[in-house]
N, C-alpha and C. Protein backbone atom coordinates (compact mmCIF):
# COMPACT_ATOMS: atom_id res chain seq x y z
N MET A 1 36.20 -7.05 66.80
CA MET A 1 35.08 -7.13 65.87
C MET A 1 35.40 -6.26 64.66
N ARG A 2 35.10 -6.79 63.47
CA ARG A 2 35.22 -6.05 62.22
C ARG A 2 33.83 -5.59 61.79
N ILE A 3 33.80 -4.54 61.01
CA ILE A 3 32.56 -4.07 60.42
C ILE A 3 32.63 -4.36 58.93
N TYR A 4 31.61 -5.04 58.43
CA TYR A 4 31.52 -5.34 57.01
C TYR A 4 30.48 -4.45 56.37
N ARG A 5 30.84 -3.90 55.22
CA ARG A 5 29.89 -3.09 54.45
C ARG A 5 29.48 -3.91 53.23
N PHE A 6 28.15 -4.14 53.13
CA PHE A 6 27.59 -4.87 52.00
C PHE A 6 26.77 -3.93 51.14
N ARG A 7 26.97 -4.01 49.83
CA ARG A 7 26.07 -3.36 48.89
C ARG A 7 24.95 -4.35 48.64
N VAL A 8 23.71 -3.93 48.91
CA VAL A 8 22.53 -4.79 48.81
C VAL A 8 21.67 -4.26 47.66
N LEU A 9 21.60 -5.05 46.59
CA LEU A 9 20.83 -4.67 45.40
C LEU A 9 19.59 -5.54 45.31
N ILE A 10 18.46 -4.90 45.00
CA ILE A 10 17.23 -5.66 44.82
C ILE A 10 17.08 -5.98 43.33
N ASP A 11 16.67 -7.19 43.03
CA ASP A 11 16.47 -7.62 41.66
C ASP A 11 15.12 -7.09 41.17
N HIS A 12 15.16 -5.84 40.69
CA HIS A 12 13.95 -5.14 40.27
C HIS A 12 14.35 -4.00 39.34
N ALA A 13 13.44 -3.60 38.48
CA ALA A 13 13.71 -2.54 37.51
C ALA A 13 14.10 -1.21 38.17
N SER A 14 13.74 -1.00 39.43
CA SER A 14 14.07 0.25 40.13
C SER A 14 15.57 0.41 40.31
N GLU A 15 16.30 -0.69 40.30
CA GLU A 15 17.76 -0.70 40.53
C GLU A 15 18.15 -0.03 41.84
N ALA A 16 17.24 -0.04 42.80
CA ALA A 16 17.53 0.53 44.12
C ALA A 16 18.57 -0.33 44.83
N PHE A 17 19.42 0.33 45.61
CA PHE A 17 20.36 -0.41 46.44
C PHE A 17 20.63 0.36 47.72
N ARG A 18 21.12 -0.39 48.70
CA ARG A 18 21.50 0.18 49.99
C ARG A 18 22.86 -0.40 50.38
N ASP A 19 23.69 0.43 51.01
CA ASP A 19 24.91 -0.08 51.63
C ASP A 19 24.63 -0.20 53.12
N ILE A 20 24.82 -1.41 53.63
CA ILE A 20 24.54 -1.70 55.03
C ILE A 20 25.83 -2.16 55.70
N GLU A 21 26.15 -1.55 56.83
CA GLU A 21 27.29 -1.98 57.63
C GLU A 21 26.78 -2.81 58.80
N ILE A 22 27.49 -3.90 59.06
CA ILE A 22 27.10 -4.83 60.13
C ILE A 22 28.36 -5.41 60.75
N GLY A 23 28.29 -5.70 62.04
CA GLY A 23 29.43 -6.26 62.76
C GLY A 23 29.64 -7.73 62.46
N SER A 24 30.88 -8.14 62.49
CA SER A 24 31.24 -9.53 62.20
C SER A 24 30.61 -10.50 63.18
N GLU A 25 30.34 -10.06 64.40
CA GLU A 25 29.76 -10.93 65.42
C GLU A 25 28.25 -10.74 65.56
N GLN A 26 27.65 -10.07 64.59
CA GLN A 26 26.19 -10.01 64.54
C GLN A 26 25.72 -11.17 63.66
N THR A 27 24.45 -11.47 63.74
CA THR A 27 23.94 -12.66 63.06
C THR A 27 23.27 -12.30 61.73
N PHE A 28 23.00 -13.34 60.96
CA PHE A 28 22.26 -13.16 59.72
C PHE A 28 20.83 -12.71 60.01
N LEU A 29 20.30 -12.99 61.19
CA LEU A 29 18.99 -12.47 61.56
C LEU A 29 19.05 -10.94 61.67
N ASP A 30 20.13 -10.41 62.23
CA ASP A 30 20.31 -8.96 62.30
C ASP A 30 20.37 -8.36 60.89
N LEU A 31 21.07 -9.04 59.99
CA LEU A 31 21.18 -8.56 58.61
C LEU A 31 19.82 -8.65 57.91
N HIS A 32 19.09 -9.72 58.13
CA HIS A 32 17.73 -9.89 57.58
C HIS A 32 16.85 -8.71 57.98
N LYS A 33 16.85 -8.37 59.26
CA LYS A 33 16.04 -7.26 59.76
C LYS A 33 16.49 -5.93 59.15
N ALA A 34 17.81 -5.74 59.02
CA ALA A 34 18.35 -4.50 58.47
C ALA A 34 17.95 -4.33 57.00
N ILE A 35 17.98 -5.42 56.24
CA ILE A 35 17.61 -5.34 54.82
C ILE A 35 16.12 -5.01 54.69
N LYS A 36 15.29 -5.70 55.46
CA LYS A 36 13.85 -5.42 55.41
C LYS A 36 13.57 -3.95 55.72
N GLU A 37 14.18 -3.45 56.78
CA GLU A 37 13.97 -2.05 57.17
C GLU A 37 14.49 -1.10 56.10
N ALA A 38 15.67 -1.38 55.56
CA ALA A 38 16.29 -0.50 54.56
C ALA A 38 15.45 -0.39 53.29
N PHE A 39 14.73 -1.45 52.94
CA PHE A 39 13.93 -1.45 51.73
C PHE A 39 12.44 -1.23 52.01
N GLY A 40 12.08 -0.98 53.26
CA GLY A 40 10.70 -0.67 53.62
C GLY A 40 9.78 -1.86 53.62
N PHE A 41 10.32 -3.06 53.79
CA PHE A 41 9.49 -4.27 53.86
C PHE A 41 9.16 -4.53 55.33
N ILE A 42 7.87 -4.72 55.62
CA ILE A 42 7.47 -4.85 57.03
C ILE A 42 6.82 -6.19 57.35
N GLY A 43 6.63 -7.03 56.35
CA GLY A 43 5.98 -8.32 56.56
C GLY A 43 6.84 -9.29 57.36
N GLN A 44 6.24 -10.41 57.68
CA GLN A 44 6.92 -11.47 58.43
C GLN A 44 7.05 -12.71 57.55
N GLU A 45 7.51 -12.53 56.34
CA GLU A 45 7.58 -13.61 55.37
C GLU A 45 8.82 -14.48 55.57
N MET A 46 8.76 -15.69 55.03
CA MET A 46 9.91 -16.58 55.06
C MET A 46 11.05 -15.97 54.25
N ALA A 47 12.28 -16.30 54.66
CA ALA A 47 13.45 -15.76 53.97
C ALA A 47 14.63 -16.70 54.19
N SER A 48 15.59 -16.60 53.29
CA SER A 48 16.83 -17.36 53.41
C SER A 48 17.98 -16.59 52.78
N PHE A 49 19.14 -16.74 53.38
CA PHE A 49 20.38 -16.29 52.76
C PHE A 49 21.03 -17.51 52.13
N TYR A 50 21.78 -17.28 51.08
CA TYR A 50 22.57 -18.33 50.45
C TYR A 50 23.98 -17.81 50.27
N VAL A 51 24.97 -18.56 50.74
CA VAL A 51 26.35 -18.20 50.50
C VAL A 51 26.53 -18.31 48.99
N SER A 52 27.17 -17.31 48.39
CA SER A 52 27.25 -17.27 46.93
C SER A 52 28.69 -17.11 46.47
N ASP A 53 28.85 -17.15 45.14
CA ASP A 53 30.16 -16.96 44.52
C ASP A 53 30.09 -15.80 43.54
N GLU A 54 31.15 -15.60 42.77
CA GLU A 54 31.21 -14.46 41.85
C GLU A 54 30.16 -14.53 40.74
N ASN A 55 29.56 -15.70 40.51
CA ASN A 55 28.51 -15.85 39.50
C ASN A 55 27.11 -15.76 40.11
N TRP A 56 27.01 -15.47 41.38
CA TRP A 56 25.75 -15.38 42.12
C TRP A 56 25.05 -16.73 42.22
N ASP A 57 25.82 -17.83 42.11
CA ASP A 57 25.24 -19.16 42.31
C ASP A 57 24.93 -19.35 43.79
N LYS A 58 23.81 -20.00 44.08
CA LYS A 58 23.41 -20.23 45.47
C LYS A 58 24.13 -21.45 46.03
N GLY A 59 24.79 -21.25 47.16
CA GLY A 59 25.47 -22.33 47.87
C GLY A 59 24.70 -22.68 49.12
N PRO A 60 25.41 -22.93 50.22
CA PRO A 60 24.75 -23.31 51.48
C PRO A 60 23.69 -22.29 51.92
N GLU A 61 22.58 -22.82 52.43
CA GLU A 61 21.44 -21.99 52.85
C GLU A 61 21.53 -21.66 54.33
N ILE A 62 21.10 -20.43 54.66
CA ILE A 62 20.94 -19.98 56.04
C ILE A 62 19.50 -19.48 56.16
N PRO A 63 18.57 -20.36 56.57
CA PRO A 63 17.14 -19.99 56.59
C PRO A 63 16.73 -19.23 57.84
N LEU A 64 15.60 -18.55 57.72
CA LEU A 64 15.01 -17.85 58.86
C LEU A 64 14.41 -18.84 59.85
N ALA A 65 13.73 -19.85 59.35
CA ALA A 65 13.02 -20.81 60.21
C ALA A 65 13.42 -22.23 59.86
N ASP A 66 13.27 -23.11 60.82
CA ASP A 66 13.58 -24.53 60.64
C ASP A 66 12.45 -25.21 59.90
N LEU A 67 12.75 -25.70 58.71
CA LEU A 67 11.75 -26.42 57.94
C LEU A 67 11.85 -27.91 58.16
N GLY A 68 12.78 -28.33 59.01
CA GLY A 68 12.89 -29.72 59.41
C GLY A 68 13.67 -30.62 58.48
N PHE A 69 14.26 -30.05 57.43
CA PHE A 69 15.04 -30.87 56.51
C PHE A 69 16.12 -30.02 55.85
N GLY A 70 17.14 -30.69 55.34
CA GLY A 70 18.20 -30.03 54.61
C GLY A 70 18.12 -30.40 53.15
N GLN A 71 19.03 -29.86 52.36
CA GLN A 71 19.08 -30.18 50.94
C GLN A 71 19.70 -31.55 50.74
N ASP A 72 19.19 -32.29 49.79
CA ASP A 72 19.75 -33.59 49.40
C ASP A 72 19.92 -34.54 50.58
N GLY A 73 18.96 -34.55 51.50
CA GLY A 73 19.00 -35.48 52.62
C GLY A 73 19.94 -35.10 53.74
N GLU A 74 20.59 -33.95 53.64
CA GLU A 74 21.48 -33.50 54.71
C GLU A 74 20.66 -33.05 55.91
N SER A 75 21.32 -32.87 57.04
CA SER A 75 20.62 -32.36 58.22
C SER A 75 20.21 -30.91 57.97
N ALA A 76 19.24 -30.45 58.74
CA ALA A 76 18.74 -29.08 58.58
C ALA A 76 19.86 -28.07 58.82
N PRO A 77 19.93 -27.00 58.02
CA PRO A 77 20.99 -26.00 58.19
C PRO A 77 20.76 -25.16 59.44
N ALA A 78 21.84 -24.54 59.93
CA ALA A 78 21.75 -23.62 61.07
C ALA A 78 20.91 -22.41 60.65
N LEU A 79 20.14 -21.88 61.59
CA LEU A 79 19.23 -20.77 61.32
C LEU A 79 19.93 -19.42 61.41
N MET A 80 19.30 -18.40 60.85
CA MET A 80 19.86 -17.05 60.83
C MET A 80 20.30 -16.56 62.20
N ASP A 81 19.51 -16.86 63.23
CA ASP A 81 19.85 -16.36 64.56
C ASP A 81 21.00 -17.13 65.21
N GLN A 82 21.49 -18.18 64.54
CA GLN A 82 22.57 -19.01 65.07
C GLN A 82 23.89 -18.81 64.30
N VAL A 83 23.85 -18.07 63.22
CA VAL A 83 25.02 -17.95 62.35
C VAL A 83 25.52 -16.51 62.34
N TYR A 84 26.80 -16.35 62.70
CA TYR A 84 27.42 -15.02 62.67
C TYR A 84 27.85 -14.67 61.26
N ILE A 85 27.84 -13.38 60.95
CA ILE A 85 28.27 -12.92 59.63
C ILE A 85 29.68 -13.43 59.34
N SER A 86 30.56 -13.36 60.33
CA SER A 86 31.96 -13.78 60.13
C SER A 86 32.10 -15.27 59.80
N ASP A 87 31.08 -16.07 60.12
CA ASP A 87 31.14 -17.51 59.83
C ASP A 87 31.23 -17.80 58.34
N HIS A 88 30.79 -16.86 57.51
CA HIS A 88 30.76 -17.11 56.06
C HIS A 88 31.51 -16.07 55.24
N ILE A 89 32.41 -15.33 55.85
CA ILE A 89 33.26 -14.41 55.10
C ILE A 89 34.53 -15.18 54.74
N ARG A 90 34.65 -15.50 53.46
CA ARG A 90 35.78 -16.31 52.98
C ARG A 90 36.80 -15.50 52.20
N SER A 91 36.37 -14.34 51.65
CA SER A 91 37.28 -13.52 50.86
C SER A 91 36.80 -12.08 50.86
N THR A 92 37.61 -11.21 50.28
CA THR A 92 37.22 -9.80 50.17
C THR A 92 36.16 -9.59 49.10
N ASP A 93 35.85 -10.64 48.34
CA ASP A 93 34.83 -10.58 47.30
C ASP A 93 33.59 -11.39 47.68
N GLN A 94 33.37 -11.61 48.97
CA GLN A 94 32.27 -12.47 49.42
C GLN A 94 30.92 -11.93 48.95
N ARG A 95 30.07 -12.85 48.53
CA ARG A 95 28.71 -12.50 48.08
C ARG A 95 27.70 -13.43 48.75
N PHE A 96 26.49 -12.90 48.88
CA PHE A 96 25.35 -13.67 49.37
C PHE A 96 24.15 -13.35 48.50
N VAL A 97 23.24 -14.30 48.41
CA VAL A 97 21.93 -14.07 47.80
C VAL A 97 20.93 -14.16 48.94
N TYR A 98 19.98 -13.24 48.95
CA TYR A 98 18.95 -13.20 49.99
C TYR A 98 17.59 -13.28 49.31
N ALA A 99 16.81 -14.29 49.67
CA ALA A 99 15.47 -14.46 49.13
C ALA A 99 14.47 -14.13 50.23
N TYR A 100 13.51 -13.26 49.92
CA TYR A 100 12.50 -12.84 50.89
C TYR A 100 11.12 -13.04 50.28
N ASP A 101 10.22 -13.64 51.02
CA ASP A 101 8.83 -13.85 50.62
C ASP A 101 8.78 -14.78 49.41
N PHE A 102 8.71 -16.07 49.67
CA PHE A 102 8.80 -17.07 48.61
C PHE A 102 7.60 -17.07 47.66
N LEU A 103 6.53 -16.33 47.96
CA LEU A 103 5.43 -16.19 47.00
C LEU A 103 5.73 -15.06 46.01
N HIS A 104 6.18 -13.91 46.53
CA HIS A 104 6.53 -12.79 45.66
C HIS A 104 7.97 -12.93 45.14
N MET A 105 8.76 -13.72 45.81
CA MET A 105 10.14 -14.04 45.47
C MET A 105 11.00 -12.80 45.19
N TRP A 106 11.15 -12.01 46.24
CA TRP A 106 12.07 -10.88 46.17
C TRP A 106 13.49 -11.43 46.33
N MET A 107 14.34 -11.09 45.40
CA MET A 107 15.74 -11.54 45.43
C MET A 107 16.65 -10.34 45.59
N PHE A 108 17.62 -10.49 46.46
CA PHE A 108 18.61 -9.45 46.72
C PHE A 108 20.00 -10.05 46.53
N MET A 109 20.92 -9.26 46.02
CA MET A 109 22.30 -9.66 45.90
C MET A 109 23.13 -8.79 46.84
N LEU A 110 23.95 -9.44 47.67
CA LEU A 110 24.79 -8.73 48.62
C LEU A 110 26.24 -8.96 48.25
N ALA A 111 26.97 -7.87 48.07
CA ALA A 111 28.39 -7.96 47.76
C ALA A 111 29.18 -7.21 48.83
N LEU A 112 30.19 -7.86 49.38
CA LEU A 112 31.06 -7.22 50.36
C LEU A 112 31.89 -6.17 49.64
N VAL A 113 31.80 -4.92 50.10
CA VAL A 113 32.53 -3.83 49.44
C VAL A 113 33.59 -3.20 50.34
N ASP A 114 33.56 -3.50 51.64
CA ASP A 114 34.55 -2.90 52.54
C ASP A 114 34.51 -3.63 53.89
N ALA A 115 35.62 -3.56 54.58
CA ALA A 115 35.71 -4.05 55.96
C ALA A 115 36.61 -3.08 56.72
N HIS A 116 36.20 -2.73 57.92
CA HIS A 116 36.98 -1.79 58.72
C HIS A 116 36.69 -1.99 60.20
N GLU A 117 37.40 -1.26 61.00
CA GLU A 117 37.19 -1.30 62.45
C GLU A 117 35.91 -0.52 62.77
N PRO A 118 35.23 -0.89 63.86
CA PRO A 118 34.02 -0.14 64.23
C PRO A 118 34.35 1.30 64.61
N ILE A 119 33.42 2.18 64.35
CA ILE A 119 33.58 3.58 64.72
C ILE A 119 32.90 3.78 66.07
N LYS A 120 33.67 4.31 67.01
CA LYS A 120 33.17 4.48 68.37
C LYS A 120 31.88 5.30 68.37
N GLY A 121 30.88 4.79 69.08
CA GLY A 121 29.60 5.47 69.21
C GLY A 121 28.58 5.10 68.15
N LYS A 122 28.99 4.42 67.08
CA LYS A 122 28.04 4.01 66.05
C LYS A 122 27.40 2.69 66.42
N ARG A 123 26.13 2.55 66.05
CA ARG A 123 25.40 1.30 66.27
C ARG A 123 25.26 0.57 64.95
N TYR A 124 25.40 -0.71 65.03
CA TYR A 124 25.32 -1.55 63.83
C TYR A 124 24.25 -2.61 64.03
N PRO A 125 23.58 -3.04 62.97
CA PRO A 125 23.74 -2.63 61.58
C PRO A 125 23.15 -1.25 61.32
N GLN A 126 23.63 -0.64 60.24
CA GLN A 126 23.11 0.65 59.85
C GLN A 126 23.25 0.83 58.34
N VAL A 127 22.31 1.59 57.77
CA VAL A 127 22.38 1.95 56.36
C VAL A 127 23.29 3.16 56.25
N VAL A 128 24.32 3.06 55.40
CA VAL A 128 25.26 4.17 55.24
C VAL A 128 25.16 4.82 53.86
N LEU A 129 24.44 4.19 52.94
CA LEU A 129 24.22 4.76 51.62
C LEU A 129 22.91 4.22 51.09
N SER A 130 22.11 5.11 50.52
CA SER A 130 20.81 4.73 49.99
C SER A 130 20.66 5.32 48.60
N HIS A 131 20.31 4.47 47.61
CA HIS A 131 20.16 4.93 46.23
C HIS A 131 18.87 4.37 45.65
N GLY A 132 18.05 5.22 45.10
CA GLY A 132 16.84 4.81 44.41
C GLY A 132 15.69 4.50 45.35
N THR A 133 14.51 4.42 44.76
CA THR A 133 13.29 4.10 45.49
C THR A 133 12.95 2.65 45.25
N PRO A 134 12.95 1.84 46.29
CA PRO A 134 12.65 0.42 46.10
C PRO A 134 11.16 0.21 45.83
N PRO A 135 10.82 -0.92 45.25
CA PRO A 135 9.41 -1.23 45.01
C PRO A 135 8.70 -1.50 46.33
N GLY A 136 7.38 -1.39 46.32
CA GLY A 136 6.59 -1.74 47.48
C GLY A 136 6.64 -3.25 47.71
N GLU A 137 6.61 -3.66 48.94
CA GLU A 137 6.71 -5.07 49.29
C GLU A 137 5.67 -5.93 48.59
N HIS A 138 4.46 -5.40 48.41
CA HIS A 138 3.38 -6.17 47.79
C HIS A 138 3.04 -5.65 46.40
N SER A 139 4.02 -5.07 45.72
CA SER A 139 3.78 -4.48 44.40
C SER A 139 3.81 -5.51 43.28
N ARG A 140 4.31 -6.69 43.54
CA ARG A 140 4.34 -7.72 42.50
C ARG A 140 3.00 -8.43 42.44
N GLU A 141 2.51 -8.61 41.22
CA GLU A 141 1.28 -9.35 41.02
C GLU A 141 1.57 -10.84 41.15
N LEU A 142 0.70 -11.54 41.83
CA LEU A 142 0.83 -12.99 41.94
C LEU A 142 -0.12 -13.64 40.96
N ASN A 143 0.39 -14.59 40.20
CA ASN A 143 -0.46 -15.38 39.33
C ASN A 143 -0.29 -16.83 39.78
N LEU A 144 -1.08 -17.22 40.76
CA LEU A 144 -0.93 -18.54 41.35
C LEU A 144 -1.33 -19.66 40.39
N ALA A 145 -2.03 -19.32 39.30
CA ALA A 145 -2.42 -20.34 38.32
C ALA A 145 -1.34 -20.53 37.25
N ASP A 146 -0.33 -19.65 37.23
CA ASP A 146 0.72 -19.74 36.23
C ASP A 146 1.39 -21.11 36.28
N GLY A 147 1.38 -21.80 35.15
CA GLY A 147 2.00 -23.10 35.07
C GLY A 147 1.08 -24.24 35.50
N ILE A 148 -0.07 -23.91 36.05
CA ILE A 148 -1.01 -24.94 36.50
C ILE A 148 -2.18 -25.06 35.53
N LEU A 149 -2.76 -23.91 35.18
CA LEU A 149 -3.88 -23.90 34.26
C LEU A 149 -3.36 -23.63 32.84
N PRO A 150 -3.98 -24.22 31.83
CA PRO A 150 -3.54 -23.97 30.46
C PRO A 150 -3.82 -22.52 30.06
N ASP A 151 -3.01 -22.00 29.12
CA ASP A 151 -3.25 -20.66 28.60
C ASP A 151 -4.60 -20.66 27.88
N GLU A 152 -5.23 -19.49 27.85
CA GLU A 152 -6.53 -19.38 27.19
C GLU A 152 -6.43 -19.69 25.69
N ASP A 153 -5.29 -19.38 25.08
CA ASP A 153 -5.08 -19.62 23.66
C ASP A 153 -4.76 -21.07 23.36
N ASP A 154 -4.41 -21.85 24.38
CA ASP A 154 -4.02 -23.25 24.19
C ASP A 154 -5.27 -24.10 24.12
N PRO A 155 -5.55 -24.77 22.95
CA PRO A 155 -6.77 -25.56 22.84
C PRO A 155 -6.73 -26.85 23.64
N TYR A 156 -5.60 -27.24 24.21
CA TYR A 156 -5.50 -28.51 24.95
C TYR A 156 -5.39 -28.29 26.39
């Protein structure tokens, strides 16, 4: 088993990030839980990982729950608890995008920064570096009428 270290950055003005180490044979569900804990998010919201490239483009999805369909008529993708981290490590520059809570739309960027052998006695996943204070999970204002109702200044 290899240990992968990911730098996990939240897309927020706080610029908070965490370095999380996880085993190659652990699942994306384990990583999902580690990210939530590392950033102090405690809700049970929907989430998905997306295999990404150097431009942070979203590729294949790894969802938390089965929504019963895939993209563009494809079969439903494998779920987080069924996919090992090693299943999607293609290079030393591997990246993932993680979306949490589709109403508040918290976005995280994960970049592989190191890989090494496990250290005897350590438990994984674990946070090995913490920088900045992340935002509160429910700190974003929701405007559910945005794009549905006309602006007050719009006469039409």
